[in-house]
Amino acid sequence: MPEEHHLTARNLLEQMNRQFNECNALYHELAVHYGVSDTVFWLLYSLYNSSEPQTQNRLCMEWNLPKQTMNSAVASMVKQGLLELEPAPGRYSGKLLHLTPAGRELAAKTAKPVYSAEQAALEQLGMAEAEHFVRLGQEHLNAIRMEFNKILQ
């Protein structure tokens, strides 16, 4: 194989990082389009698509968001009448986040079309390819976590 066509590990890492960053930029562009912060967008997306109640702590862990960032977004959404907080059962369970009618309306205008677009993109790939992509992504995540843990020890 000619040298210019041979993908080295460095080339692959650069491509993977560019793809990851470009994907993040696409979601940021959508948040800007809808006039909300990235965190508010992900809150709307998560709550709109969730079949069970969510807490701030759980969403911080799932989306890898700093607690202060989440707290600021939640406070802003409560102030705007988009979100209500309810104490979760249990001593240290945090608060459950519920979209208000205005929040559900905003989520229907933001999260719903994005989710539909994501589904259409998956259908373009085909489910077998999409499942393969997810499996390889998880394998890579597991491997990189293991290697990074070596650095952190």
N, C-alpha and C. Protein backbone atom coordinates (compact mmCIF):
# COMPACT_ATOMS: atom_id res chain seq x y z
N MET A 1 0.86 -1.18 0.00
CA MET A 1 0.00 0.00 0.00
C MET A 1 0.90 1.24 0.00
N PRO A 2 0.64 2.21 -0.90
CA PRO A 2 1.46 3.42 -0.91
C PRO A 2 1.40 4.14 0.43
N GLU A 3 2.51 4.79 0.78
CA GLU A 3 2.64 5.45 2.08
C GLU A 3 1.53 6.47 2.33
N GLU A 4 1.15 7.25 1.30
CA GLU A 4 0.13 8.29 1.50
C GLU A 4 -1.25 7.72 1.81
N HIS A 5 -1.48 6.44 1.52
CA HIS A 5 -2.77 5.82 1.79
C HIS A 5 -2.78 5.03 3.09
N HIS A 6 -1.62 4.83 3.63
CA HIS A 6 -1.52 4.04 4.86
C HIS A 6 -1.92 4.90 6.06
N LEU A 7 -2.94 4.44 6.77
CA LEU A 7 -3.38 5.17 7.95
C LEU A 7 -2.58 4.71 9.17
N THR A 8 -1.90 5.65 9.76
CA THR A 8 -1.16 5.33 10.98
C THR A 8 -2.07 5.53 12.18
N ALA A 9 -1.63 5.05 13.31
CA ALA A 9 -2.40 5.26 14.54
C ALA A 9 -2.60 6.76 14.78
N ARG A 10 -1.58 7.54 14.50
CA ARG A 10 -1.69 8.99 14.69
C ARG A 10 -2.77 9.57 13.78
N ASN A 11 -2.78 9.16 12.51
CA ASN A 11 -3.80 9.64 11.57
C ASN A 11 -5.20 9.25 12.04
N LEU A 12 -5.33 8.02 12.48
CA LEU A 12 -6.64 7.55 12.95
C LEU A 12 -7.10 8.33 14.17
N LEU A 13 -6.19 8.57 15.11
CA LEU A 13 -6.55 9.35 16.30
C LEU A 13 -6.97 10.76 15.93
N GLU A 14 -6.24 11.36 14.99
CA GLU A 14 -6.61 12.71 14.54
C GLU A 14 -8.00 12.71 13.91
N GLN A 15 -8.29 11.72 13.08
CA GLN A 15 -9.61 11.63 12.44
C GLN A 15 -10.70 11.40 13.47
N MET A 16 -10.45 10.50 14.42
CA MET A 16 -11.45 10.23 15.46
C MET A 16 -11.72 11.48 16.29
N ASN A 17 -10.67 12.18 16.67
CA ASN A 17 -10.84 13.40 17.47
C ASN A 17 -11.57 14.48 16.69
N ARG A 18 -11.24 14.62 15.41
CA ARG A 18 -11.95 15.60 14.57
C ARG A 18 -13.43 15.25 14.47
N GLN A 19 -13.73 13.97 14.25
CA GLN A 19 -15.13 13.55 14.16
C GLN A 19 -15.87 13.82 15.47
N PHE A 20 -15.25 13.49 16.58
CA PHE A 20 -15.85 13.73 17.89
C PHE A 20 -16.13 15.22 18.08
N ASN A 21 -15.13 16.05 17.78
CA ASN A 21 -15.30 17.50 17.94
C ASN A 21 -16.32 18.06 16.97
N GLU A 22 -16.34 17.56 15.75
CA GLU A 22 -17.32 18.03 14.77
C GLU A 22 -18.74 17.66 15.20
N CYS A 23 -18.90 16.47 15.74
CA CYS A 23 -20.22 16.05 16.24
C CYS A 23 -20.66 16.97 17.38
N ASN A 24 -19.76 17.25 18.31
CA ASN A 24 -20.09 18.18 19.40
C ASN A 24 -20.46 19.55 18.86
N ALA A 25 -19.73 20.00 17.84
CA ALA A 25 -20.01 21.31 17.25
C ALA A 25 -21.39 21.34 16.59
N LEU A 26 -21.80 20.22 16.00
CA LEU A 26 -23.13 20.16 15.38
C LEU A 26 -24.23 20.34 16.44
N TYR A 27 -24.07 19.68 17.57
CA TYR A 27 -25.06 19.83 18.64
C TYR A 27 -25.02 21.25 19.22
N HIS A 28 -23.83 21.83 19.34
CA HIS A 28 -23.73 23.21 19.81
C HIS A 28 -24.45 24.15 18.84
N GLU A 29 -24.26 23.92 17.55
CA GLU A 29 -24.92 24.74 16.53
C GLU A 29 -26.45 24.66 16.68
N LEU A 30 -26.96 23.49 16.99
CA LEU A 30 -28.40 23.33 17.21
C LEU A 30 -28.85 24.11 18.44
N ALA A 31 -28.07 24.04 19.52
CA ALA A 31 -28.42 24.79 20.73
C ALA A 31 -28.46 26.28 20.43
N VAL A 32 -27.47 26.78 19.71
CA VAL A 32 -27.45 28.20 19.32
C VAL A 32 -28.66 28.52 18.46
N HIS A 33 -28.96 27.66 17.51
CA HIS A 33 -30.12 27.85 16.63
C HIS A 33 -31.40 28.00 17.45
N TYR A 34 -31.53 27.20 18.49
CA TYR A 34 -32.73 27.25 19.33
C TYR A 34 -32.66 28.31 20.42
N GLY A 35 -31.53 29.01 20.53
CA GLY A 35 -31.41 30.10 21.50
C GLY A 35 -31.25 29.64 22.94
N VAL A 36 -30.67 28.46 23.12
CA VAL A 36 -30.45 27.94 24.48
C VAL A 36 -28.98 27.56 24.63
N SER A 37 -28.54 27.45 25.87
CA SER A 37 -27.17 26.99 26.12
C SER A 37 -27.07 25.50 25.81
N ASP A 38 -25.86 25.03 25.67
CA ASP A 38 -25.66 23.60 25.43
C ASP A 38 -26.27 22.77 26.56
N THR A 39 -26.06 23.21 27.80
CA THR A 39 -26.56 22.44 28.94
C THR A 39 -28.08 22.43 28.96
N VAL A 40 -28.71 23.56 28.68
CA VAL A 40 -30.17 23.60 28.63
C VAL A 40 -30.66 22.69 27.51
N PHE A 41 -29.98 22.72 26.37
CA PHE A 41 -30.36 21.83 25.27
C PHE A 41 -30.33 20.37 25.72
N TRP A 42 -29.23 19.96 26.38
CA TRP A 42 -29.12 18.56 26.80
C TRP A 42 -30.12 18.21 27.89
N LEU A 43 -30.46 19.17 28.73
CA LEU A 43 -31.52 18.93 29.72
C LEU A 43 -32.85 18.69 29.03
N LEU A 44 -33.20 19.56 28.09
CA LEU A 44 -34.45 19.39 27.34
C LEU A 44 -34.46 18.05 26.63
N TYR A 45 -33.36 17.72 25.98
CA TYR A 45 -33.23 16.47 25.23
C TYR A 45 -33.41 15.27 26.16
N SER A 46 -32.69 15.29 27.28
CA SER A 46 -32.74 14.16 28.22
C SER A 46 -34.11 13.98 28.83
N LEU A 47 -34.70 15.07 29.27
CA LEU A 47 -36.00 14.98 29.94
C LEU A 47 -37.11 14.64 28.96
N TYR A 48 -37.01 15.16 27.75
CA TYR A 48 -38.04 14.89 26.74
C TYR A 48 -38.03 13.41 26.33
N ASN A 49 -36.85 12.85 26.22
CA ASN A 49 -36.72 11.48 25.72
C ASN A 49 -36.68 10.41 26.82
N SER A 50 -36.71 10.83 28.07
CA SER A 50 -36.60 9.88 29.17
C SER A 50 -37.96 9.29 29.53
N SER A 51 -37.95 8.00 29.79
CA SER A 51 -39.19 7.34 30.20
C SER A 51 -39.33 7.29 31.71
N GLU A 52 -38.30 7.75 32.42
CA GLU A 52 -38.35 7.75 33.88
C GLU A 52 -37.84 9.08 34.42
N PRO A 53 -38.23 9.44 35.64
CA PRO A 53 -37.78 10.71 36.21
C PRO A 53 -36.25 10.75 36.32
N GLN A 54 -35.70 11.93 36.17
CA GLN A 54 -34.26 12.13 36.23
C GLN A 54 -33.91 13.09 37.36
N THR A 55 -32.75 12.88 37.96
CA THR A 55 -32.23 13.83 38.95
C THR A 55 -31.06 14.57 38.33
N GLN A 56 -30.73 15.72 38.93
CA GLN A 56 -29.57 16.48 38.47
C GLN A 56 -28.32 15.63 38.55
N ASN A 57 -28.14 14.93 39.67
CA ASN A 57 -26.93 14.13 39.85
C ASN A 57 -26.79 13.07 38.77
N ARG A 58 -27.87 12.40 38.47
CA ARG A 58 -27.83 11.35 37.45
C ARG A 58 -27.47 11.93 36.08
N LEU A 59 -28.08 13.07 35.74
CA LEU A 59 -27.79 13.69 34.45
C LEU A 59 -26.35 14.19 34.39
N CYS A 60 -25.84 14.72 35.49
CA CYS A 60 -24.44 15.15 35.52
C CYS A 60 -23.52 13.97 35.21
N MET A 61 -23.81 12.83 35.82
CA MET A 61 -22.99 11.64 35.59
C MET A 61 -23.13 11.13 34.17
N GLU A 62 -24.37 11.05 33.66
CA GLU A 62 -24.59 10.51 32.32
C GLU A 62 -24.00 11.39 31.23
N TRP A 63 -24.09 12.71 31.41
CA TRP A 63 -23.64 13.64 30.37
C TRP A 63 -22.27 14.23 30.66
N ASN A 64 -21.64 13.78 31.76
CA ASN A 64 -20.31 14.28 32.13
C ASN A 64 -20.29 15.80 32.26
N LEU A 65 -21.28 16.34 32.93
CA LEU A 65 -21.37 17.78 33.12
C LEU A 65 -20.98 18.15 34.55
N PRO A 66 -20.24 19.24 34.73
CA PRO A 66 -19.94 19.70 36.09
C PRO A 66 -21.23 20.06 36.83
N LYS A 67 -21.25 19.78 38.14
CA LYS A 67 -22.45 20.05 38.93
C LYS A 67 -22.84 21.52 38.89
N GLN A 68 -21.85 22.42 38.94
CA GLN A 68 -22.16 23.85 38.93
C GLN A 68 -22.82 24.25 37.61
N THR A 69 -22.35 23.69 36.51
CA THR A 69 -22.94 23.98 35.20
C THR A 69 -24.39 23.52 35.17
N MET A 70 -24.63 22.31 35.67
CA MET A 70 -25.99 21.77 35.72
C MET A 70 -26.86 22.61 36.65
N ASN A 71 -26.34 22.97 37.82
CA ASN A 71 -27.11 23.78 38.77
C ASN A 71 -27.52 25.11 38.15
N SER A 72 -26.61 25.73 37.43
CA SER A 72 -26.92 27.02 36.79
C SER A 72 -28.01 26.86 35.74
N ALA A 73 -27.91 25.82 34.93
CA ALA A 73 -28.91 25.59 33.88
C ALA A 73 -30.26 25.27 34.49
N VAL A 74 -30.28 24.45 35.53
CA VAL A 74 -31.54 24.09 36.19
C VAL A 74 -32.17 25.34 36.81
N ALA A 75 -31.37 26.14 37.51
CA ALA A 75 -31.89 27.36 38.13
C ALA A 75 -32.48 28.29 37.08
N SER A 76 -31.80 28.43 35.95
CA SER A 76 -32.28 29.27 34.87
C SER A 76 -33.61 28.75 34.32
N MET A 77 -33.70 27.45 34.14
CA MET A 77 -34.93 26.86 33.60
C MET A 77 -36.09 26.97 34.58
N VAL A 78 -35.80 26.83 35.86
CA VAL A 78 -36.85 27.01 36.89
C VAL A 78 -37.34 28.45 36.85
N LYS A 79 -36.41 29.39 36.78
CA LYS A 79 -36.75 30.82 36.75
C LYS A 79 -37.59 31.16 35.52
N GLN A 80 -37.32 30.50 34.40
CA GLN A 80 -38.06 30.75 33.16
C GLN A 80 -39.38 29.99 33.10
N GLY A 81 -39.65 29.19 34.12
CA GLY A 81 -40.89 28.42 34.14
C GLY A 81 -40.88 27.20 33.25
N LEU A 82 -39.69 26.69 32.94
CA LEU A 82 -39.56 25.52 32.06
C LEU A 82 -39.41 24.21 32.83
N LEU A 83 -39.05 24.33 34.10
CA LEU A 83 -38.69 23.15 34.88
C LEU A 83 -39.20 23.30 36.30
N GLU A 84 -39.63 22.19 36.87
CA GLU A 84 -40.02 22.13 38.28
C GLU A 84 -39.16 21.08 38.96
N LEU A 85 -38.87 21.32 40.24
CA LEU A 85 -38.08 20.38 41.03
C LEU A 85 -38.97 19.73 42.06
N GLU A 86 -38.74 18.45 42.28
CA GLU A 86 -39.51 17.70 43.27
C GLU A 86 -38.52 16.85 44.07
N PRO A 87 -38.62 16.88 45.40
CA PRO A 87 -37.72 16.02 46.18
C PRO A 87 -37.88 14.56 45.77
N ALA A 88 -36.78 13.90 45.55
CA ALA A 88 -36.81 12.48 45.18
C ALA A 88 -36.95 11.64 46.44
N PRO A 89 -37.57 10.50 46.33
CA PRO A 89 -37.67 9.63 47.50
C PRO A 89 -36.28 9.18 47.96
N GLY A 90 -36.12 9.01 49.24
CA GLY A 90 -34.83 8.59 49.79
C GLY A 90 -34.10 9.77 50.38
N ARG A 91 -33.19 9.47 51.27
CA ARG A 91 -32.53 10.51 52.04
C ARG A 91 -31.61 11.40 51.21
N TYR A 92 -30.81 10.81 50.34
CA TYR A 92 -29.83 11.59 49.56
C TYR A 92 -30.06 11.45 48.06
N SER A 93 -31.28 11.37 47.67
CA SER A 93 -31.59 11.10 46.26
C SER A 93 -31.58 12.34 45.38
N GLY A 94 -31.51 13.52 45.95
CA GLY A 94 -31.54 14.73 45.14
C GLY A 94 -32.95 15.12 44.77
N LYS A 95 -33.06 15.90 43.71
CA LYS A 95 -34.37 16.37 43.27
C LYS A 95 -34.67 15.86 41.87
N LEU A 96 -35.93 15.47 41.69
CA LEU A 96 -36.38 15.05 40.37
C LEU A 96 -36.68 16.28 39.52
N LEU A 97 -36.32 16.22 38.27
CA LEU A 97 -36.54 17.31 37.33
C LEU A 97 -37.75 16.98 36.48
N HIS A 98 -38.69 17.91 36.41
CA HIS A 98 -39.90 17.72 35.60
C HIS A 98 -40.07 18.94 34.70
N LEU A 99 -40.27 18.70 33.42
CA LEU A 99 -40.60 19.79 32.51
C LEU A 99 -42.00 20.30 32.82
N THR A 100 -42.16 21.61 32.84
CA THR A 100 -43.48 22.21 32.96
C THR A 100 -44.15 22.13 31.58
N PRO A 101 -45.42 22.50 31.48
CA PRO A 101 -46.03 22.55 30.14
C PRO A 101 -45.21 23.42 29.17
N ALA A 102 -44.71 24.57 29.65
CA ALA A 102 -43.88 25.42 28.78
C ALA A 102 -42.58 24.71 28.42
N GLY A 103 -42.01 23.97 29.37
CA GLY A 103 -40.79 23.21 29.11
C GLY A 103 -41.02 22.10 28.11
N ARG A 104 -42.16 21.41 28.24
CA ARG A 104 -42.48 20.34 27.28
C ARG A 104 -42.68 20.93 25.88
N GLU A 105 -43.29 22.11 25.82
CA GLU A 105 -43.50 22.76 24.52
C GLU A 105 -42.16 23.12 23.88
N LEU A 106 -41.25 23.67 24.69
CA LEU A 106 -39.92 24.01 24.16
C LEU A 106 -39.17 22.74 23.75
N ALA A 107 -39.27 21.70 24.56
CA ALA A 107 -38.59 20.44 24.22
C ALA A 107 -39.15 19.85 22.93
N ALA A 108 -40.46 19.98 22.72
CA ALA A 108 -41.07 19.47 21.49
C ALA A 108 -40.55 20.23 20.27
N LYS A 109 -40.17 21.50 20.46
CA LYS A 109 -39.64 22.31 19.35
C LYS A 109 -38.14 22.13 19.16
N THR A 110 -37.46 21.61 20.17
CA THR A 110 -36.00 21.49 20.11
C THR A 110 -35.56 20.03 20.10
N ALA A 111 -35.82 19.33 21.18
CA ALA A 111 -35.33 17.95 21.32
C ALA A 111 -36.00 16.99 20.35
N LYS A 112 -37.29 17.16 20.14
CA LYS A 112 -38.02 16.22 19.28
C LYS A 112 -37.48 16.20 17.85
N PRO A 113 -37.30 17.37 17.19
CA PRO A 113 -36.76 17.30 15.83
C PRO A 113 -35.32 16.79 15.78
N VAL A 114 -34.54 17.09 16.81
CA VAL A 114 -33.16 16.59 16.84
C VAL A 114 -33.16 15.07 16.96
N TYR A 115 -33.98 14.56 17.86
CA TYR A 115 -34.08 13.11 18.04
C TYR A 115 -34.56 12.44 16.74
N SER A 116 -35.52 13.06 16.09
CA SER A 116 -36.01 12.52 14.80
C SER A 116 -34.90 12.51 13.76
N ALA A 117 -34.10 13.58 13.73
CA ALA A 117 -32.98 13.65 12.78
C ALA A 117 -31.94 12.58 13.10
N GLU A 118 -31.68 12.36 14.38
CA GLU A 118 -30.73 11.31 14.77
C GLU A 118 -31.23 9.93 14.33
N GLN A 119 -32.50 9.69 14.51
CA GLN A 119 -33.07 8.41 14.08
C GLN A 119 -32.96 8.24 12.56
N ALA A 120 -33.23 9.31 11.82
CA ALA A 120 -33.12 9.25 10.36
C ALA A 120 -31.68 8.97 9.94
N ALA A 121 -30.72 9.57 10.64
CA ALA A 121 -29.31 9.33 10.34
C ALA A 121 -28.95 7.87 10.60
N LEU A 122 -29.46 7.31 11.69
CA LEU A 122 -29.21 5.89 11.97
C LEU A 122 -29.81 5.01 10.89
N GLU A 123 -31.00 5.36 10.44
CA GLU A 123 -31.64 4.58 9.38
C GLU A 123 -30.84 4.64 8.09
N GLN A 124 -30.19 5.79 7.83
CA GLN A 124 -29.33 5.89 6.64
C GLN A 124 -28.15 4.93 6.75
N LEU A 125 -27.61 4.79 7.95
CA LEU A 125 -26.51 3.85 8.16
C LEU A 125 -26.98 2.41 8.05
N GLY A 126 -28.19 2.18 8.49
CA GLY A 126 -28.70 0.82 8.62
C GLY A 126 -28.44 0.36 10.05
N MET A 127 -29.36 -0.39 10.59
CA MET A 127 -29.26 -0.78 11.99
C MET A 127 -28.04 -1.65 12.27
N ALA A 128 -27.68 -2.52 11.35
CA ALA A 128 -26.51 -3.39 11.58
C ALA A 128 -25.25 -2.55 11.69
N GLU A 129 -25.08 -1.58 10.78
CA GLU A 129 -23.91 -0.70 10.82
C GLU A 129 -23.93 0.17 12.07
N ALA A 130 -25.11 0.68 12.44
CA ALA A 130 -25.22 1.52 13.63
C ALA A 130 -24.85 0.73 14.88
N GLU A 131 -25.33 -0.51 14.97
CA GLU A 131 -24.98 -1.36 16.12
C GLU A 131 -23.48 -1.65 16.15
N HIS A 132 -22.90 -1.86 14.99
CA HIS A 132 -21.46 -2.10 14.88
C HIS A 132 -20.69 -0.86 15.34
N PHE A 133 -21.13 0.30 14.91
CA PHE A 133 -20.51 1.57 15.29
C PHE A 133 -20.55 1.74 16.81
N VAL A 134 -21.70 1.47 17.42
CA VAL A 134 -21.84 1.61 18.87
C VAL A 134 -20.95 0.60 19.59
N ARG A 135 -20.91 -0.62 19.10
CA ARG A 135 -20.08 -1.65 19.73
C ARG A 135 -18.60 -1.27 19.66
N LEU A 136 -18.14 -0.82 18.50
CA LEU A 136 -16.74 -0.41 18.36
C LEU A 136 -16.43 0.81 19.22
N GLY A 137 -17.38 1.74 19.27
CA GLY A 137 -17.19 2.92 20.12
C GLY A 137 -17.03 2.53 21.58
N GLN A 138 -17.83 1.58 22.04
CA GLN A 138 -17.74 1.12 23.43
C GLN A 138 -16.42 0.39 23.67
N GLU A 139 -16.01 -0.43 22.71
CA GLU A 139 -14.72 -1.12 22.85
C GLU A 139 -13.58 -0.12 22.93
N HIS A 140 -13.62 0.92 22.10
CA HIS A 140 -12.59 1.94 22.13
C HIS A 140 -12.62 2.69 23.47
N LEU A 141 -13.81 3.04 23.93
CA LEU A 141 -13.95 3.73 25.21
C LEU A 141 -13.37 2.88 26.35
N ASN A 142 -13.68 1.59 26.36
CA ASN A 142 -13.15 0.70 27.39
C ASN A 142 -11.62 0.65 27.34
N ALA A 143 -11.07 0.54 26.13
CA ALA A 143 -9.62 0.46 25.97
C ALA A 143 -8.94 1.76 26.39
N ILE A 144 -9.51 2.89 25.98
CA ILE A 144 -8.87 4.16 26.32
C ILE A 144 -9.00 4.45 27.82
N ARG A 145 -10.11 4.05 28.41
CA ARG A 145 -10.28 4.20 29.86
C ARG A 145 -9.20 3.40 30.59
N MET A 146 -8.96 2.17 30.15
CA MET A 146 -7.95 1.32 30.77
C MET A 146 -6.56 1.96 30.65
N GLU A 147 -6.24 2.49 29.46
CA GLU A 147 -4.93 3.11 29.26
C GLU A 147 -4.79 4.40 30.06
N PHE A 148 -5.85 5.20 30.12
CA PHE A 148 -5.80 6.44 30.90
C PHE A 148 -5.70 6.15 32.39
N ASN A 149 -6.33 5.08 32.85
CA ASN A 149 -6.23 4.70 34.26
C ASN A 149 -4.80 4.36 34.64
N LYS A 150 -4.03 3.83 33.69
CA LYS A 150 -2.61 3.56 33.94
C LYS A 150 -1.87 4.87 34.21
N ILE A 151 -2.23 5.91 33.50
CA ILE A 151 -1.59 7.22 33.69
C ILE A 151 -1.98 7.80 35.05
N LEU A 152 -3.23 7.62 35.41
CA LEU A 152 -3.76 8.24 36.63
C LEU A 152 -3.34 7.53 37.91
N GLN A 153 -2.80 6.32 37.79
CA GLN A 153 -2.39 5.58 38.99
C GLN A 153 -1.03 6.00 39.48
